[in-house]
N, C-alpha and C. Protein backbone atom coordinates (compact mmCIF):
# COMPACT_ATOMS: atom_id res chain seq x y z
N MET A 1 108.25 106.50 97.64
CA MET A 1 108.86 107.63 98.19
C MET A 1 108.91 108.26 96.71
N LEU A 2 108.21 109.78 97.73
CA LEU A 2 107.75 110.31 96.31
C LEU A 2 108.92 110.74 96.25
N THR A 3 109.59 112.28 94.40
CA THR A 3 109.98 112.70 94.11
C THR A 3 110.34 114.09 94.70
N ALA A 4 111.83 114.43 94.51
CA ALA A 4 111.68 116.19 94.74
C ALA A 4 110.55 116.52 93.88
N SER A 5 110.57 116.53 92.55
CA SER A 5 108.92 117.27 91.63
C SER A 5 108.16 116.99 91.81
N GLN A 6 107.69 115.67 92.72
CA GLN A 6 105.98 115.40 93.35
C GLN A 6 106.07 116.44 94.10
N VAL A 7 106.93 116.82 95.11
CA VAL A 7 106.73 117.43 96.01
C VAL A 7 106.41 118.80 95.91
N VAL A 8 107.30 119.45 94.85
CA VAL A 8 107.53 120.49 93.99
C VAL A 8 105.87 120.47 93.23
N GLU A 9 104.86 119.47 92.71
CA GLU A 9 104.08 119.68 91.90
C GLU A 9 102.69 119.91 93.88
N ARG A 10 102.99 119.28 94.41
CA ARG A 10 102.03 119.15 95.64
C ARG A 10 102.33 120.68 96.60
N ALA A 11 103.43 121.47 96.31
CA ALA A 11 103.42 122.68 96.94
C ALA A 11 102.57 123.87 96.53
N ASP A 12 102.34 124.84 97.26
CA ASP A 12 100.73 125.78 96.86
C ASP A 12 101.75 126.33 96.04
N THR A 13 101.60 127.35 95.74
CA THR A 13 101.77 128.61 95.14
C THR A 13 103.14 129.55 96.02
N TYR A 14 102.83 129.08 96.86
CA TYR A 14 103.81 130.37 98.30
C TYR A 14 105.29 129.27 98.14
N GLY A 15 104.87 128.09 97.88
CA GLY A 15 106.42 127.39 97.96
C GLY A 15 105.70 126.39 99.28
N VAL A 16 105.34 126.63 99.80
CA VAL A 16 104.74 125.69 101.19
C VAL A 16 104.64 124.55 100.73
N MET A 17 105.51 123.58 101.56
CA MET A 17 105.48 122.00 101.33
C MET A 17 104.56 121.78 101.83
N PRO A 18 104.29 120.05 101.32
CA PRO A 18 103.13 118.95 102.37
C PRO A 18 104.30 118.64 103.38
N LEU A 19 103.51 117.86 104.61
CA LEU A 19 104.05 117.29 105.76
C LEU A 19 103.71 115.67 104.85
N LEU A 20 105.41 115.28 104.33
CA LEU A 20 105.07 113.75 103.70
C LEU A 20 104.69 112.67 105.45
N THR A 21 103.97 111.57 104.84
CA THR A 21 103.63 110.45 105.58
C THR A 21 105.35 110.01 105.31
N LEU A 22 105.36 108.85 106.75
CA LEU A 22 106.45 108.23 106.24
C LEU A 22 106.96 107.70 105.62
N ALA A 23 105.81 106.99 104.93
CA ALA A 23 105.82 105.75 103.62
C ALA A 23 106.42 106.72 102.21
N GLU A 24 105.52 107.83 101.88
CA GLU A 24 106.05 108.84 101.25
C GLU A 24 107.45 108.90 101.11
N PHE A 25 108.50 109.72 102.22
CA PHE A 25 109.71 109.68 102.40
C PHE A 25 110.53 108.63 102.32
N PHE A 26 110.28 107.79 103.14
CA PHE A 26 111.04 106.41 103.70
C PHE A 26 110.71 104.74 102.48
N ASP A 27 110.15 104.96 102.31
CA ASP A 27 109.73 103.59 101.25
C ASP A 27 110.51 104.19 100.48
N GLY A 28 111.27 102.90 100.21
CA GLY A 28 112.36 103.06 98.49
C GLY A 28 113.10 104.38 98.70
N ASN A 29 113.80 104.61 99.84
CA ASN A 29 113.78 105.82 100.20
C ASN A 29 115.75 105.30 100.40
N GLU A 30 116.96 104.96 99.50
CA GLU A 30 118.19 104.93 100.01
C GLU A 30 119.81 105.78 100.38
N HIS A 31 119.08 106.86 99.99
CA HIS A 31 119.59 108.28 100.25
C HIS A 31 120.00 108.37 101.49
N GLU A 32 121.33 108.26 102.17
CA GLU A 32 121.72 108.17 103.30
C GLU A 32 121.26 109.95 103.92
N GLU A 33 121.87 110.87 102.98
CA GLU A 33 121.80 111.92 103.63
C GLU A 33 120.81 112.93 102.72
N SER A 34 119.18 112.52 102.49
CA SER A 34 118.34 113.25 102.77
C SER A 34 117.36 113.57 103.82
N LEU A 35 117.87 113.02 104.93
CA LEU A 35 117.92 113.65 106.13
C LEU A 35 118.88 113.64 107.00
N ALA A 36 118.52 114.52 107.48
CA ALA A 36 119.72 114.73 108.86
C ALA A 36 120.92 115.24 107.96
N PRO A 37 121.86 115.24 106.91
CA PRO A 37 122.87 115.40 105.94
C PRO A 37 123.90 115.71 107.20
N ASN A 38 123.81 116.83 107.60
CA ASN A 38 125.06 117.15 108.57
C ASN A 38 125.00 115.68 109.96
N GLN A 39 124.61 114.86 110.14
CA GLN A 39 124.74 113.54 110.94
C GLN A 39 124.61 112.50 111.09
N TRP A 40 124.64 112.43 109.25
CA TRP A 40 124.50 110.79 108.67
C TRP A 40 126.63 111.01 108.80
N GLY A 41 126.79 109.67 109.58
CA GLY A 41 128.16 109.30 109.91
C GLY A 41 129.02 110.05 110.53
N TYR A 42 127.92 110.45 111.59
CA TYR A 42 128.10 111.25 112.77
C TYR A 42 127.43 111.35 113.72
N GLY A 43 126.96 109.97 113.93
CA GLY A 43 125.93 109.02 114.93
C GLY A 43 125.05 108.89 114.35
N ARG A 44 123.89 109.54 113.47
CA ARG A 44 122.66 109.03 113.08
C ARG A 44 122.79 108.54 112.22
N PRO A 45 121.36 107.59 112.60
CA PRO A 45 121.55 105.71 112.46
C PRO A 45 121.21 106.07 111.23
N PRO A 46 121.52 104.46 109.95
CA PRO A 46 121.09 104.86 109.01
C PRO A 46 119.54 105.17 108.91
N LEU A 47 119.69 105.58 107.80
CA LEU A 47 118.06 105.93 106.91
C LEU A 47 116.56 104.33 107.50
N ALA A 48 117.39 103.44 107.22
CA ALA A 48 116.32 102.03 107.09
C ALA A 48 116.27 101.94 108.57
N GLU A 49 116.74 102.17 110.41
CA GLU A 49 116.91 101.87 111.42
C GLU A 49 116.15 102.95 111.81
N LEU A 50 116.42 104.53 111.22
CA LEU A 50 115.20 105.74 111.12
C LEU A 50 113.92 105.90 111.30
N ALA A 51 113.75 105.46 109.91
CA ALA A 51 112.81 104.31 109.65
C ALA A 51 111.39 103.53 110.22
N ALA A 52 112.77 102.64 110.47
CA ALA A 52 111.74 101.69 111.31
C ALA A 52 111.72 102.07 112.74
N ALA A 53 112.32 103.11 113.05
CA ALA A 53 112.26 103.87 114.83
C ALA A 53 111.19 105.05 114.38
N ALA A 54 111.11 105.46 113.62
CA ALA A 54 109.78 106.40 113.98
C ALA A 54 108.45 105.46 113.03
N ARG A 55 108.43 104.54 112.54
CA ARG A 55 107.19 103.89 112.86
C ARG A 55 106.76 103.41 114.01
N GLU A 56 107.76 102.63 114.51
CA GLU A 56 107.32 102.69 116.14
C GLU A 56 106.98 103.50 116.72
N VAL A 57 107.68 104.73 116.70
CA VAL A 57 106.67 105.73 117.69
C VAL A 57 105.50 105.86 116.99
N GLU A 58 105.08 105.97 115.67
CA GLU A 58 103.96 106.00 115.08
C GLU A 58 102.52 105.22 115.71
N SER A 59 103.05 103.96 116.34
CA SER A 59 102.27 103.14 116.63
C SER A 59 101.66 102.93 117.72
N ARG A 60 102.07 104.05 118.74
CA ARG A 60 102.24 104.02 119.88
C ARG A 60 100.87 104.61 120.22
N PRO A 61 99.92 104.83 121.51
CA PRO A 61 98.63 105.06 121.27
C PRO A 61 98.93 105.99 121.81
N GLU A 62 99.35 106.66 122.25
CA GLU A 62 99.71 108.20 122.38
C GLU A 62 99.71 109.24 120.95
N VAL A 63 100.18 108.54 119.97
CA VAL A 63 101.22 109.01 119.08
C VAL A 63 99.77 109.43 117.83
N ALA A 64 99.44 110.64 117.52
CA ALA A 64 98.38 110.73 116.49
C ALA A 64 98.60 110.47 115.14
N TRP A 65 99.89 111.17 115.29
CA TRP A 65 100.51 110.61 113.49
C TRP A 65 102.34 111.25 113.69
N VAL A 66 102.79 110.50 112.93
CA VAL A 66 104.06 111.21 112.70
C VAL A 66 104.61 111.55 111.13
N ARG A 67 105.72 112.46 110.91
CA ARG A 67 105.34 112.78 109.62
C ARG A 67 106.74 114.17 109.14
N VAL A 68 107.44 113.79 108.23
CA VAL A 68 108.26 114.49 107.65
C VAL A 68 108.43 115.51 107.49
N GLN A 69 109.43 115.97 107.89
CA GLN A 69 109.31 117.79 107.47
C GLN A 69 110.54 117.96 106.28
N LEU A 70 110.09 118.32 105.30
CA LEU A 70 110.78 118.81 104.87
C LEU A 70 111.77 119.76 104.42
N HIS A 71 112.87 120.49 104.02
CA HIS A 71 113.64 121.59 104.03
C HIS A 71 113.63 122.23 103.02
N SER A 72 113.28 123.51 102.50
CA SER A 72 113.19 124.72 101.58
C SER A 72 113.93 123.83 100.49
N GLU A 73 115.42 123.70 100.66
CA GLU A 73 115.96 123.19 99.75
C GLU A 73 115.47 122.18 98.50
N THR A 74 114.28 120.82 98.82
CA THR A 74 113.66 120.66 98.33
C THR A 74 113.06 120.90 97.07
N LEU A 75 112.94 122.07 97.08
CA LEU A 75 112.01 123.18 96.02
C LEU A 75 113.23 123.09 94.79
N THR A 76 114.03 123.43 95.46
CA THR A 76 115.35 124.03 94.32
C THR A 76 116.09 122.74 93.80
N SER A 77 116.43 121.40 94.92
CA SER A 77 117.54 120.76 94.47
C SER A 77 117.42 120.10 93.43
N GLY A 78 115.99 119.41 93.36
CA GLY A 78 115.60 117.91 92.57
C GLY A 78 115.96 116.51 93.45
N GLU A 79 116.16 116.88 94.49
CA GLU A 79 116.16 115.76 95.98
C GLU A 79 115.38 116.00 96.81
N LEU A 80 115.05 115.28 97.95
CA LEU A 80 113.86 115.38 98.59
C LEU A 80 115.17 115.61 100.01
N ALA A 81 115.17 116.76 101.11
CA ALA A 81 116.13 117.23 101.30
C ALA A 81 115.42 117.06 103.35
N GLY A 82 115.34 116.27 104.37
CA GLY A 82 113.98 116.22 105.15
C GLY A 82 114.86 117.13 106.17
N GLU A 83 114.13 117.82 106.98
CA GLU A 83 114.89 118.89 107.77
C GLU A 83 114.85 118.42 109.30
N ALA A 84 113.18 117.99 109.18
CA ALA A 84 113.01 117.20 110.49
C ALA A 84 111.85 116.18 110.65
N LEU A 85 111.49 115.74 112.07
CA LEU A 85 109.98 114.64 112.09
C LEU A 85 109.48 115.42 113.10
N ALA A 86 107.55 115.64 112.45
CA ALA A 86 106.93 116.18 113.17
C ALA A 86 106.48 114.44 113.68
N ILE A 87 106.34 114.71 115.29
CA ILE A 87 105.47 114.02 115.93
C ILE A 87 104.29 114.94 116.78
N CYS A 88 102.68 113.85 116.47
CA CYS A 88 101.97 114.61 117.01
C CYS A 88 101.52 113.75 118.30
N THR A 89 101.10 113.94 119.52
CA THR A 89 100.80 113.34 120.74
C THR A 89 100.78 113.96 121.35
N THR A 90 100.11 113.10 122.76
CA THR A 90 99.42 113.60 124.10
C THR A 90 100.64 113.25 124.62
N ALA A 91 101.62 112.52 124.76
CA ALA A 91 102.83 112.53 125.60
C ALA A 91 103.89 113.76 125.73
N PRO A 92 104.30 113.41 127.20
CA PRO A 92 104.95 114.94 127.84
C PRO A 92 106.72 114.72 126.93
N GLU A 93 106.59 115.67 126.59
CA GLU A 93 108.69 116.02 126.44
C GLU A 93 109.29 114.99 126.73
N SER A 94 109.21 114.93 128.07
CA SER A 94 110.57 113.81 128.70
C SER A 94 110.10 112.46 128.01
N GLU A 95 109.03 112.11 127.61
CA GLU A 95 108.71 110.38 126.99
C GLU A 95 109.14 110.48 125.77
N ILE A 96 109.18 111.44 125.12
CA ILE A 96 109.73 111.59 123.94
C ILE A 96 110.92 111.98 123.63
N GLU A 97 111.81 112.31 124.31
CA GLU A 97 113.11 111.98 124.58
C GLU A 97 113.41 110.80 124.67
N GLN A 98 112.73 110.04 125.16
CA GLN A 98 112.89 108.45 125.33
C GLN A 98 112.84 108.02 124.32
N TRP A 99 111.52 108.16 123.75
CA TRP A 99 111.89 107.70 122.42
C TRP A 99 112.54 108.55 121.84
N VAL A 100 113.32 108.53 120.92
CA VAL A 100 113.73 109.56 120.35
C VAL A 100 115.39 108.47 120.78
N GLU A 101 115.53 108.57 121.40
CA GLU A 101 117.22 108.37 122.20
C GLU A 101 117.94 107.66 121.57
N GLY A 102 119.56 107.60 121.28
CA GLY A 102 119.80 107.23 119.83
C GLY A 102 119.86 107.81 118.41
N TRP A 103 118.73 108.41 118.29
CA TRP A 103 118.74 109.00 116.96
C TRP A 103 120.05 110.25 116.82
N GLU A 104 120.57 110.97 117.76
CA GLU A 104 121.39 111.70 117.69
C GLU A 104 120.90 113.06 117.34
N SER A 105 119.82 113.38 117.74
CA SER A 105 118.84 113.97 117.13
C SER A 105 119.23 115.60 118.07
N GLY A 106 118.84 116.60 117.85
CA GLY A 106 118.86 117.75 119.04
C GLY A 106 117.43 117.61 120.31
N GLY A 107 116.84 116.61 119.83
CA GLY A 107 115.66 116.29 120.91
C GLY A 107 114.52 116.77 120.20
N PRO A 108 113.46 116.39 120.94
CA PRO A 108 112.13 117.48 120.45
C PRO A 108 111.99 118.72 120.71
N VAL A 109 111.71 119.93 119.76
CA VAL A 109 111.58 121.21 119.95
C VAL A 109 109.63 121.42 120.10
N ALA A 110 108.94 121.94 120.87
CA ALA A 110 107.44 122.38 120.49
C ALA A 110 107.01 122.81 118.91
N GLY A 111 106.25 122.60 118.52
CA GLY A 111 105.43 122.86 117.38
C GLY A 111 106.34 122.44 115.24
N LEU A 112 106.23 122.94 114.63
CA LEU A 112 106.62 122.65 113.65
C LEU A 112 107.80 123.65 112.83
N VAL A 113 109.08 122.86 112.47
CA VAL A 113 110.09 123.45 112.57
C VAL A 113 109.99 124.80 111.16
N ASP A 114 108.55 125.07 110.72
CA ASP A 114 108.14 125.84 109.73
C ASP A 114 107.16 125.44 109.18
N THR A 115 106.50 126.42 108.33
CA THR A 115 104.90 126.23 107.78
C THR A 115 104.60 125.01 106.62
N TYR A 116 103.94 124.63 106.81
CA TYR A 116 103.55 123.18 105.62
C TYR A 116 102.19 122.97 105.67
N ALA A 117 101.93 122.54 104.30
CA ALA A 117 100.65 122.12 103.91
C ALA A 117 100.01 120.60 104.24
N GLU A 118 99.41 120.52 104.55
CA GLU A 118 99.02 118.95 103.93
C GLU A 118 98.64 118.34 105.09
N ALA A 119 98.81 119.10 106.59
CA ALA A 119 98.59 118.42 107.74
C ALA A 119 98.01 118.19 108.63
N PRO A 120 97.57 116.95 109.03
CA PRO A 120 96.65 116.27 109.52
C PRO A 120 96.46 116.99 111.18
N GLY A 121 94.46 116.89 111.30
CA GLY A 121 94.73 117.59 112.29
C GLY A 121 95.19 116.94 113.57
N VAL A 122 94.66 118.13 114.66
CA VAL A 122 95.64 118.05 115.99
C VAL A 122 95.00 117.86 117.25
N PRO A 123 94.09 116.09 117.35
CA PRO A 123 93.29 115.92 118.26
C PRO A 123 93.37 117.07 119.27
N PRO A 124 92.51 116.91 120.17
CA PRO A 124 92.53 117.34 121.44
C PRO A 124 93.41 116.92 122.56
N GLY A 125 94.30 117.63 123.08
CA GLY A 125 94.83 117.69 123.74
C GLY A 125 96.24 117.12 123.67
N ALA A 126 96.80 116.97 122.40
CA ALA A 126 97.52 116.23 121.82
C ALA A 126 98.62 117.81 121.13
N ARG A 127 99.80 117.87 120.90
CA ARG A 127 100.71 118.18 120.45
C ARG A 127 101.11 117.78 119.20
N ILE A 128 101.80 119.08 118.49
CA ILE A 128 103.25 118.98 117.54
C ILE A 128 104.22 119.09 118.62
N TRP A 129 105.25 118.16 118.08
CA TRP A 129 106.84 118.18 118.42
C TRP A 129 107.78 117.55 117.31
N SER A 130 108.86 118.67 117.43
CA SER A 130 109.45 118.02 115.74
C SER A 130 110.77 117.77 116.63
N VAL A 131 111.65 117.13 116.25
CA VAL A 131 112.55 116.57 116.65
C VAL A 131 113.65 116.62 115.09
N VAL A 132 114.45 117.70 115.47
CA VAL A 132 116.02 117.87 114.58
C VAL A 132 117.06 117.57 114.91
N TRP A 133 117.39 117.97 113.69
CA TRP A 133 119.04 117.68 113.81
C TRP A 133 119.94 118.92 113.69
N ASP A 134 120.17 119.70 114.53
CA ASP A 134 121.00 120.97 114.04
C ASP A 134 122.12 120.76 114.79
């Protein structure tokens, strides 16, 4: 798991943060409120379960990558604050909705919720979907 300080070091001069890999965000992260804190205790699965489910999604052949989108609070709070999961895939929205069922999210939304650095390329025919918890 990266620290907030490491994210700040990787952010550009305008404060644009990197999209984090699942390993960078989840490995060793036991802080339940680091992702969708408003939903923790109100249906959002435990972080370890969510990490496993996100890795399962990432392993699908129609998925190019999955990344964690950080909230801007990461730059000032001293702690990682995940806002959404980005899924780059050729699958339709209806299929993504099935993948994230049980995550107690708002479901997939087309595009990224903010501007991020270090975003992997988007293969032909794929698009990015953000799974948000609002």
